[in-house]
Amino acid sequence: MKPMSADKKVIPRVELPDDVRLATLAVREGLPRTQWSENSEALFLTSSFVQPDAATAAARFANEEEAFIYSRFTNPTVTMMERRLAAMEGTEACIGTSSGMSAILLLVMGLLKSGDHVICSQSVFGSTIMLLGREFAKFGVETSFVSQTDVNEWKRAVKPNTKLLFAESPTNPLTEVCDIRALSEIARGAGALLAVDNCFCSPALQKPVTMGADIVMHSGTKYLDGQGRVIAGALCCSQKLIDEKLMPVMRSAGMSLSPFNAWVVLKGLETLAIRMQAQSANALKLATWLESLPNVERVYYPGLASHPQHALAMAQQSGSGGAVLSFIVKGHESGGAVLARKNAFHVIDGTKICSITANLGDTKTTITHPASTSHGRLTEDQRLAAGITQGMIRVAVGLDDVEDIKADLDRGLRTL
């Protein structure tokens, strides 16, 4: 698609003061109201849009005039969500996708070609490892997986054909934190781009672009929605990257975010900051309690002083540890992987309140066994390289009363 000239017609924007803060952007940014002056954003459930005449239709399809054409790549509700999330992340623009994984798919398809090289943290979400390490390898894109926290490993992995660095911070499920500024310097030195999955923190706690990231990736399924209702994804970056690299792929391949799902995420963004604050506070209380128990060998939570990257996390994440933690139960690999898994299952099955599901970011507290769910498709060697053992349990803390969640976990922990 050709970039539009400055004198071409564009889709209007909401008129807001330049200095409004995140909480205001979360409830106001989007599109101007329609002629009906609705206060809550309109939901446009339509596949196509009627054009006034053939010449205008031709101009719009040629990208000579900005307008809504076809919901595979242009829809008002999706645009509202994109503009709001971009404003909250501090980027020029955003492109919504059908899921978090489709956002990564779009990212790689838009930026890379056969012969290019990616450096990726070995601690990222299991499906990300499979997509980069297996699926894109079929098409000649090489990926080197490195330690999330060892900056020197990232440096040593750089090759002449390195085009992209990809990291989560914190990671799923070990909550490892990468030094975004350091990775940004490596990327710039290599002539590459840095993409950061900001799913665990969201812009309520962390804005990677302020630390040098070029692209912020989201699974909107998680905290952006916040209530486990829809699947969605997004990439936040410069307008140039979207216009020249990402939108042409979206228009042809159609990893499209549905208008309904976009509307649900749009409304979820309105309460994002207060949810993250409350859920993170609950997570800190739960992590502190778990760390005191004799049947818990180790707790992984950036808000704890015992976390290896605690200071870095506090600096990057607005002083918050986030709402996700993991812990290892008694009977870890020292007692055998079979026993470790048995004990983890015992604790999970003893819960009556926590939802046993691999999803996270919900207002309901969720619990899962990463080695057999979110990272179950990896080999045992891949899991161990990422630090994911059979005795590990991940808890995504919601808005339930934290004392009830403590009691829920204690049922299994005290009977190990």
Protein backbone atom coordinates (compact mmCIF):
# COMPACT_ATOMS: atom_id res chain seq x y z
CA MET A 1 0.00 0.00 0.00
CA LYS A 2 1.28 3.46 -0.88
CA PRO A 3 1.68 5.90 2.03
CA MET A 4 -0.77 8.77 1.90
CA SER A 5 0.25 12.34 1.24
CA ALA A 6 -0.30 14.92 3.96
CA ASP A 7 -3.06 16.61 1.94
CA LYS A 8 -5.19 13.45 1.56
CA LYS A 9 -8.37 12.89 3.51
CA VAL A 10 -7.84 10.98 6.74
CA ILE A 11 -10.07 9.42 9.38
CA PRO A 12 -10.67 12.11 12.05
CA ARG A 13 -9.34 11.80 15.59
CA VAL A 14 -10.82 12.48 19.01
CA GLU A 15 -9.96 16.00 20.14
CA LEU A 16 -8.06 15.68 23.43
CA PRO A 17 -5.47 17.94 25.07
CA ASP A 18 -1.90 16.90 24.31
CA ASP A 19 -0.99 16.35 27.97
CA VAL A 20 -3.78 14.02 29.12
CA ARG A 21 -2.65 11.09 31.22
CA LEU A 22 -3.02 7.33 30.81
CA ALA A 23 -6.24 7.02 32.82
CA THR A 24 -7.94 9.61 30.60
CA LEU A 25 -6.62 8.06 27.39
CA ALA A 26 -7.96 4.69 28.59
CA VAL A 27 -11.53 5.96 28.59
CA ARG A 28 -11.46 8.68 25.90
CA GLU A 29 -9.12 7.85 23.00
CA GLY A 30 -10.64 6.30 19.89
CA LEU A 31 -12.80 7.88 17.19
CA PRO A 32 -15.12 10.89 17.33
CA ARG A 33 -18.74 10.12 18.19
CA THR A 34 -21.09 9.35 15.34
CA GLN A 35 -23.96 11.68 14.43
CA TRP A 36 -25.95 9.99 17.22
CA SER A 37 -23.58 11.32 19.93
CA GLU A 38 -23.22 8.03 21.81
CA ASN A 39 -21.23 8.14 25.07
CA SER A 40 -20.13 4.50 24.95
CA GLU A 41 -18.19 3.58 21.82
CA ALA A 42 -20.21 2.21 18.93
CA LEU A 43 -19.80 -1.39 17.75
CA PHE A 44 -19.64 -1.70 13.98
CA LEU A 45 -20.61 -5.28 13.10
CA THR A 46 -20.33 -5.02 9.34
CA SER A 47 -18.12 -6.76 6.83
CA SER A 48 -18.01 -3.90 4.32
CA PHE A 49 -18.67 -0.20 3.95
CA VAL A 50 -20.66 1.54 1.20
CA GLN A 51 -18.70 4.07 -0.87
CA PRO A 52 -20.33 7.25 -2.25
CA ASP A 53 -19.24 6.64 -5.85
CA ALA A 54 -16.91 4.52 -7.98
CA ALA A 55 -14.13 7.10 -8.15
CA THR A 56 -14.03 7.46 -4.36
CA ALA A 57 -14.04 3.69 -3.97
CA ALA A 58 -11.08 3.45 -6.34
CA ALA A 59 -9.17 6.14 -4.44
CA ARG A 60 -9.79 4.47 -1.11
CA PHE A 61 -8.79 1.00 -2.29
CA ALA A 62 -5.59 2.55 -3.72
CA ASN A 63 -4.92 4.12 -0.28
CA GLU A 64 -5.11 7.60 -1.74
CA GLU A 65 -7.78 8.47 0.79
CA GLU A 66 -8.11 7.08 4.33
CA ALA A 67 -11.49 5.50 4.95
CA PHE A 68 -13.17 2.31 6.04
CA ILE A 69 -13.46 -0.20 3.22
CA TYR A 70 -13.61 -3.81 4.35
CA SER A 71 -13.40 -5.18 7.88
CA ARG A 72 -10.56 -7.58 7.09
CA PHE A 73 -8.26 -4.58 7.38
CA THR A 74 -10.33 -1.45 8.16
CA ASN A 75 -13.12 -1.19 10.74
CA PRO A 76 -14.09 1.72 13.02
CA THR A 77 -14.33 -0.36 16.21
CA VAL A 78 -10.96 -1.97 15.59
CA THR A 79 -9.47 1.46 14.86
CA MET A 80 -10.84 2.76 18.17
CA MET A 81 -9.11 -0.05 20.06
CA GLU A 82 -5.89 0.42 18.11
CA ARG A 83 -5.74 4.15 18.73
CA ARG A 84 -6.48 3.74 22.43
CA LEU A 85 -3.84 1.06 22.98
CA ALA A 86 -1.23 2.97 20.97
CA ALA A 87 -1.87 6.08 23.05
CA MET A 88 -1.53 4.11 26.28
CA GLU A 89 1.72 2.45 25.11
CA GLY A 90 3.11 5.73 23.83
CA THR A 91 3.52 4.61 20.22
CA GLU A 92 2.43 6.33 17.02
CA ALA A 93 0.15 3.53 15.94
CA CYS A 94 -1.15 0.03 16.58
CA ILE A 95 -2.50 -2.84 14.48
CA GLY A 96 -4.98 -5.27 16.00
CA THR A 97 -4.88 -8.99 15.27
CA SER A 98 -7.04 -12.04 15.91
CA SER A 99 -4.83 -13.34 18.74
CA GLY A 100 -1.52 -12.76 20.45
CA MET A 101 0.11 -15.51 18.41
CA SER A 102 -1.25 -14.02 15.18
CA ALA A 103 0.41 -10.76 16.21
CA ILE A 104 3.77 -12.57 16.30
CA LEU A 105 2.90 -14.25 13.00
CA LEU A 106 2.21 -10.85 11.44
CA LEU A 107 5.37 -9.42 12.96
CA VAL A 108 7.62 -12.10 11.44
CA MET A 109 5.83 -12.19 8.09
CA GLY A 110 5.97 -8.41 7.82
CA LEU A 111 9.58 -7.86 8.86
CA LEU A 112 11.55 -10.96 7.90
CA LYS A 113 12.41 -13.08 4.88
CA SER A 114 14.24 -16.32 4.23
CA GLY A 115 17.85 -16.03 5.39
CA ASP A 116 17.08 -13.58 8.21
CA HIS A 117 18.00 -14.29 11.82
CA VAL A 118 16.06 -13.76 15.07
CA ILE A 119 17.40 -13.73 18.63
CA CYS A 120 14.74 -14.77 21.12
CA SER A 121 14.66 -15.43 24.84
CA GLN A 122 14.51 -19.16 25.60
CA SER A 123 12.02 -18.38 28.39
CA VAL A 124 9.17 -17.05 26.25
CA PHE A 125 5.71 -18.61 25.95
CA GLY A 126 5.80 -22.15 24.56
CA SER A 127 3.83 -21.35 21.41
CA THR A 128 6.23 -18.51 20.61
CA ILE A 129 9.13 -20.96 20.78
CA MET A 130 7.28 -23.38 18.50
CA LEU A 131 6.31 -20.68 15.99
CA LEU A 132 9.79 -19.20 15.70
CA GLY A 133 11.86 -22.34 16.22
CA ARG A 134 9.83 -24.79 14.16
CA GLU A 135 7.27 -23.18 11.85
CA PHE A 136 9.33 -20.27 10.53
CA ALA A 137 12.40 -22.46 10.28
CA LYS A 138 10.55 -24.21 7.43
CA PHE A 139 10.75 -20.95 5.48
CA GLY A 140 14.40 -20.21 6.15
CA VAL A 141 14.10 -17.88 9.14
CA GLU A 142 16.71 -18.89 11.71
CA THR A 143 16.17 -18.33 15.45
CA SER A 144 18.76 -18.44 18.23
CA PHE A 145 17.31 -18.93 21.72
CA VAL A 146 19.30 -17.33 24.53
CA SER A 147 19.11 -16.67 28.25
CA GLN A 148 16.47 -14.10 29.12
CA THR A 149 18.69 -12.38 31.66
CA ASP A 150 22.26 -12.78 30.32
CA VAL A 151 22.89 -9.71 28.17
CA ASN A 152 26.20 -11.15 26.98
CA GLU A 153 24.41 -14.17 25.48
CA TRP A 154 22.27 -11.79 23.43
CA LYS A 155 25.40 -9.96 22.28
CA ARG A 156 27.20 -13.18 21.31
CA ALA A 157 24.17 -14.38 19.35
CA VAL A 158 24.20 -11.40 16.96
CA LYS A 159 24.96 -12.29 13.34
CA PRO A 160 25.31 -10.14 10.20
CA ASN A 161 21.78 -11.23 9.20
CA THR A 162 20.15 -10.55 12.59
CA LYS A 163 17.01 -8.50 11.98
CA LEU A 164 14.90 -8.96 15.12
CA LEU A 165 15.34 -9.39 18.87
CA PHE A 166 12.25 -10.73 20.69
CA ALA A 167 11.67 -10.92 24.43
CA GLU A 168 8.91 -11.17 27.02
CA SER A 169 9.31 -9.24 30.24
CA PRO A 170 8.38 -10.72 32.63
CA THR A 171 8.38 -14.21 31.10
CA ASN A 172 5.77 -16.92 31.34
CA PRO A 173 5.93 -18.65 33.83
CA LEU A 174 9.25 -17.88 35.60
CA THR A 175 8.66 -14.09 35.62
CA GLU A 176 12.22 -13.45 34.46
CA VAL A 177 12.84 -9.80 33.64
CA CYS A 178 15.07 -8.67 30.79
CA ASP A 179 16.96 -5.39 30.66
CA ILE A 180 14.98 -3.69 27.89
CA ARG A 181 17.42 -0.78 27.56
CA ALA A 182 20.39 -3.12 27.19
CA LEU A 183 18.62 -5.21 24.56
CA SER A 184 17.66 -2.03 22.72
CA GLU A 185 21.33 -1.04 22.51
CA ILE A 186 22.23 -4.47 21.14
CA ALA A 187 19.48 -4.27 18.53
CA ARG A 188 20.53 -0.82 17.40
CA GLY A 189 24.15 -1.88 17.16
CA ALA A 190 23.09 -4.80 14.95
CA GLY A 191 20.78 -2.72 12.77
CA ALA A 192 17.88 -4.83 14.06
CA LEU A 193 14.56 -4.12 15.75
CA LEU A 194 13.59 -5.00 19.33
CA ALA A 195 10.11 -6.37 20.00
CA VAL A 196 8.88 -6.83 23.57
CA ASP A 197 5.87 -8.87 24.63
CA ASN A 198 4.26 -6.64 27.28
CA CYS A 199 1.44 -9.05 28.08
CA PHE A 200 2.24 -9.58 31.79
CA CYS A 201 2.64 -5.89 32.66
CA SER A 202 0.49 -4.03 30.12
CA PRO A 203 0.98 -0.27 29.65
CA ALA A 204 -0.50 0.22 33.11
CA LEU A 205 2.82 -0.92 34.59
CA GLN A 206 5.41 -0.83 31.80
CA LYS A 207 5.98 1.02 28.53
CA PRO A 208 8.79 -0.72 26.62
CA VAL A 209 9.10 2.04 23.98
CA THR A 210 10.26 4.47 26.67
CA MET A 211 13.19 2.10 27.23
CA GLY A 212 14.09 1.74 23.56
CA ALA A 213 11.86 -1.04 22.24
CA ASP A 214 10.69 -0.58 18.65
CA ILE A 215 7.61 -2.81 18.80
CA VAL A 216 5.33 -3.78 21.68
CA MET A 217 3.41 -7.01 21.24
CA HIS A 218 0.22 -7.88 23.13
CA SER A 219 -2.06 -10.79 23.69
CA GLY A 220 -5.18 -8.74 24.31
CA THR A 221 -6.74 -11.96 25.56
CA LYS A 222 -5.01 -11.35 28.88
CA TYR A 223 -5.04 -8.12 30.90
CA LEU A 224 -6.22 -5.81 28.13
CA ASP A 225 -9.58 -7.60 28.09
CA GLY A 226 -9.20 -8.58 31.72
CA GLN A 227 -12.19 -10.84 32.12
CA GLY A 228 -11.37 -13.86 29.98
CA ARG A 229 -13.98 -13.09 27.33
CA VAL A 230 -12.28 -12.84 23.95
CA ILE A 231 -9.15 -13.68 21.96
CA ALA A 232 -7.21 -10.69 20.59
CA GLY A 233 -3.72 -9.44 19.81
CA ALA A 234 -1.91 -6.28 18.80
CA LEU A 235 1.39 -4.75 17.70
CA CYS A 236 2.20 -1.19 18.77
CA CYS A 237 4.94 0.62 16.85
CA SER A 238 5.62 3.44 14.42
CA GLN A 239 3.12 4.42 11.74
CA LYS A 240 5.82 3.80 9.14
CA LEU A 241 6.27 0.17 10.19
CA ILE A 242 2.54 -0.44 10.04
CA ASP A 243 2.03 1.31 6.70
CA GLU A 244 5.03 -0.21 4.93
CA LYS A 245 5.51 -3.62 6.56
CA LEU A 246 2.56 -4.85 8.59
CA MET A 247 -0.61 -3.56 6.93
CA PRO A 248 0.26 -4.98 3.48
CA VAL A 249 0.52 -8.45 5.05
CA MET A 250 -2.65 -7.96 7.09
CA ARG A 251 -4.55 -6.85 4.00
CA SER A 252 -3.48 -9.96 2.08
CA ALA A 253 -3.37 -12.59 4.82
CA GLY A 254 -6.14 -11.40 7.14
CA MET A 255 -5.04 -12.09 10.73
CA SER A 256 -7.92 -9.75 11.46
CA LEU A 257 -9.27 -8.75 14.83
CA SER A 258 -13.05 -9.05 14.86
CA PRO A 259 -14.97 -5.83 15.61
CA PHE A 260 -16.79 -7.46 18.52
CA ASN A 261 -13.56 -8.66 20.14
CA ALA A 262 -12.01 -5.24 19.54
CA TRP A 263 -14.96 -3.60 21.29
CA VAL A 264 -14.62 -5.91 24.31
CA VAL A 265 -10.90 -5.11 24.59
CA LEU A 266 -11.64 -1.41 24.09
CA LYS A 267 -13.95 -1.46 27.10
CA GLY A 268 -11.48 -3.58 29.06
CA LEU A 269 -8.81 -0.93 28.61
CA GLU A 270 -10.98 1.50 30.57
CA THR A 271 -10.40 -0.43 33.82
CA LEU A 272 -6.90 -1.74 33.05
CA ALA A 273 -4.98 0.50 35.45
CA ILE A 274 -7.16 -0.11 38.49
CA ARG A 275 -7.32 -3.85 37.82
CA MET A 276 -3.54 -4.13 37.49
CA GLN A 277 -3.04 -2.18 40.69
CA ALA A 278 -5.43 -4.36 42.69
CA GLN A 279 -4.33 -7.69 41.20
CA SER A 280 -0.65 -6.87 41.63
CA ALA A 281 -1.24 -6.00 45.28
CA ASN A 282 -2.97 -9.34 45.78
CA ALA A 283 -0.12 -11.16 44.02
CA LEU A 284 2.49 -9.61 46.30
CA LYS A 285 0.55 -10.71 49.40
CA LEU A 286 0.16 -14.23 48.03
CA ALA A 287 3.82 -14.51 46.97
CA THR A 288 5.02 -13.32 50.38
CA TRP A 289 2.81 -15.91 52.10
CA LEU A 290 3.92 -18.74 49.79
CA GLU A 291 7.57 -17.90 50.41
CA SER A 292 7.04 -18.55 54.13
CA LEU A 293 5.63 -22.08 53.73
CA PRO A 294 7.73 -25.20 54.38
CA ASN A 295 6.13 -27.14 51.50
CA VAL A 296 7.13 -24.48 48.94
CA GLU A 297 10.70 -24.75 47.72
CA ARG A 298 10.83 -21.50 45.75
CA VAL A 299 8.62 -18.61 44.65
CA TYR A 300 9.15 -16.69 41.40
CA TYR A 301 7.69 -13.19 41.62
CA PRO A 302 9.43 -9.92 40.62
CA GLY A 303 7.91 -8.07 43.57
CA LEU A 304 9.84 -10.18 46.08
CA ALA A 305 13.31 -9.08 47.19
CA SER A 306 14.43 -12.68 46.59
CA HIS A 307 13.74 -12.43 42.85
CA PRO A 308 17.03 -12.26 40.90
CA GLN A 309 15.87 -9.25 38.87
CA HIS A 310 13.87 -7.55 41.62
CA ALA A 311 15.62 -4.17 41.35
CA LEU A 312 15.38 -4.14 37.55
CA ALA A 313 11.70 -5.11 37.70
CA MET A 314 10.91 -2.33 40.14
CA ALA A 315 12.66 0.17 37.86
CA GLN A 316 10.97 -1.02 34.65
CA GLN A 317 7.52 -1.94 36.00
CA SER A 318 6.52 1.19 37.92
CA GLY A 319 7.51 -0.39 41.22
CA SER A 320 5.15 -3.32 40.78
CA GLY A 321 5.70 -7.06 40.50
CA GLY A 322 2.63 -7.63 38.36
CA ALA A 323 -0.12 -10.16 38.96
CA VAL A 324 1.50 -13.48 37.96
CA LEU A 325 3.67 -15.71 40.13
CA SER A 326 5.01 -19.24 40.00
CA PHE A 327 6.21 -21.55 42.74
CA ILE A 328 7.79 -24.97 43.11
CA VAL A 329 6.24 -27.42 45.54
CA LYS A 330 8.04 -29.82 47.84
CA GLY A 331 9.27 -32.90 45.97
CA HIS A 332 11.11 -31.01 43.25
CA GLU A 333 13.45 -32.77 40.80
CA SER A 334 15.70 -33.81 43.70
CA GLY A 335 12.94 -36.28 44.55
CA GLY A 336 12.31 -37.15 40.92
CA ALA A 337 10.24 -35.50 38.20
CA VAL A 338 7.40 -37.99 38.70
CA LEU A 339 7.03 -37.07 42.38
CA ALA A 340 7.34 -33.36 41.61
CA ARG A 341 4.54 -33.56 39.05
CA LYS A 342 2.38 -35.65 41.39
CA ASN A 343 2.73 -33.08 44.16
CA ALA A 344 2.01 -30.16 41.83
CA PHE A 345 -1.14 -31.90 40.59
CA HIS A 346 -2.14 -32.58 44.21
CA VAL A 347 -2.01 -28.88 45.06
CA ILE A 348 -3.86 -27.85 41.91
CA ASP A 349 -6.57 -30.50 42.36
CA GLY A 350 -7.06 -29.43 45.97
CA THR A 351 -8.30 -25.99 44.97
CA LYS A 352 -12.00 -25.20 45.03
CA ILE A 353 -11.87 -21.51 44.09
CA CYS A 354 -8.98 -21.09 41.63
CA SER A 355 -9.89 -21.80 38.01
CA ILE A 356 -7.73 -24.60 36.58
CA THR A 357 -6.95 -23.06 33.20
CA ALA A 358 -3.81 -22.01 31.34
CA ASN A 359 -5.24 -18.57 30.57
CA LEU A 360 -4.19 -15.58 32.65
CA GLY A 361 -5.14 -11.95 33.08
CA ASP A 362 -8.66 -12.73 34.28
CA THR A 363 -10.36 -11.12 37.27
CA LYS A 364 -10.74 -14.72 38.48
CA THR A 365 -7.55 -16.27 39.87
CA THR A 366 -6.28 -19.04 37.59
CA ILE A 367 -3.90 -21.90 38.31
CA THR A 368 -2.01 -24.20 35.95
CA HIS A 369 0.87 -26.65 35.63
CA PRO A 370 3.02 -25.04 32.89
CA ALA A 371 5.07 -28.15 32.07
CA SER A 372 1.95 -30.01 30.92
CA THR A 373 -0.16 -27.10 29.59
CA SER A 374 1.25 -23.82 28.25
CA HIS A 375 4.67 -25.39 27.63
CA GLY A 376 3.51 -28.96 27.14
CA ARG A 377 4.49 -29.11 23.45
CA LEU A 378 8.14 -28.42 24.22
CA THR A 379 10.63 -31.20 24.79
CA GLU A 380 11.74 -31.84 28.36
CA ASP A 381 15.17 -30.44 27.45
CA GLN A 382 13.57 -27.24 26.16
CA ARG A 383 11.50 -26.92 29.32
CA LEU A 384 14.46 -27.47 31.60
CA ALA A 385 16.54 -24.97 29.60
CA ALA A 386 13.82 -22.44 30.31
CA GLY A 387 13.71 -23.44 34.00
CA ILE A 388 10.25 -25.00 33.80
CA THR A 389 10.20 -28.06 36.04
CA GLN A 390 7.50 -30.63 36.78
CA GLY A 391 7.07 -29.25 40.29
CA MET A 392 6.17 -25.74 39.12
CA ILE A 393 2.72 -24.19 39.49
CA ARG A 394 1.72 -20.84 37.99
CA VAL A 395 -0.92 -18.66 39.60
CA ALA A 396 -2.36 -15.61 37.83
CA VAL A 397 -3.87 -13.67 40.72
CA GLY A 398 -7.26 -12.09 40.16
CA LEU A 399 -9.63 -9.96 42.20
CA ASP A 400 -10.75 -12.76 44.51
CA ASP A 401 -10.11 -12.07 48.20
CA VAL A 402 -6.46 -13.03 48.66
CA GLU A 403 -7.20 -14.72 52.00
CA ASP A 404 -9.57 -17.08 50.18
CA ILE A 405 -6.87 -17.88 47.62
CA LYS A 406 -4.38 -18.60 50.40
CA ALA A 407 -6.84 -21.01 51.98
CA ASP A 408 -7.51 -22.57 48.59
CA LEU A 409 -3.84 -23.33 47.96
CA ASP A 410 -3.22 -24.38 51.54
CA ARG A 411 -5.58 -27.35 51.21
CA GLY A 412 -3.13 -29.14 48.96
CA LEU A 413 0.10 -27.67 50.31
CA ARG A 414 -0.46 -28.72 53.91
CA THR A 415 -1.18 -32.32 52.94
CA LEU A 416 1.92 -32.95 50.79
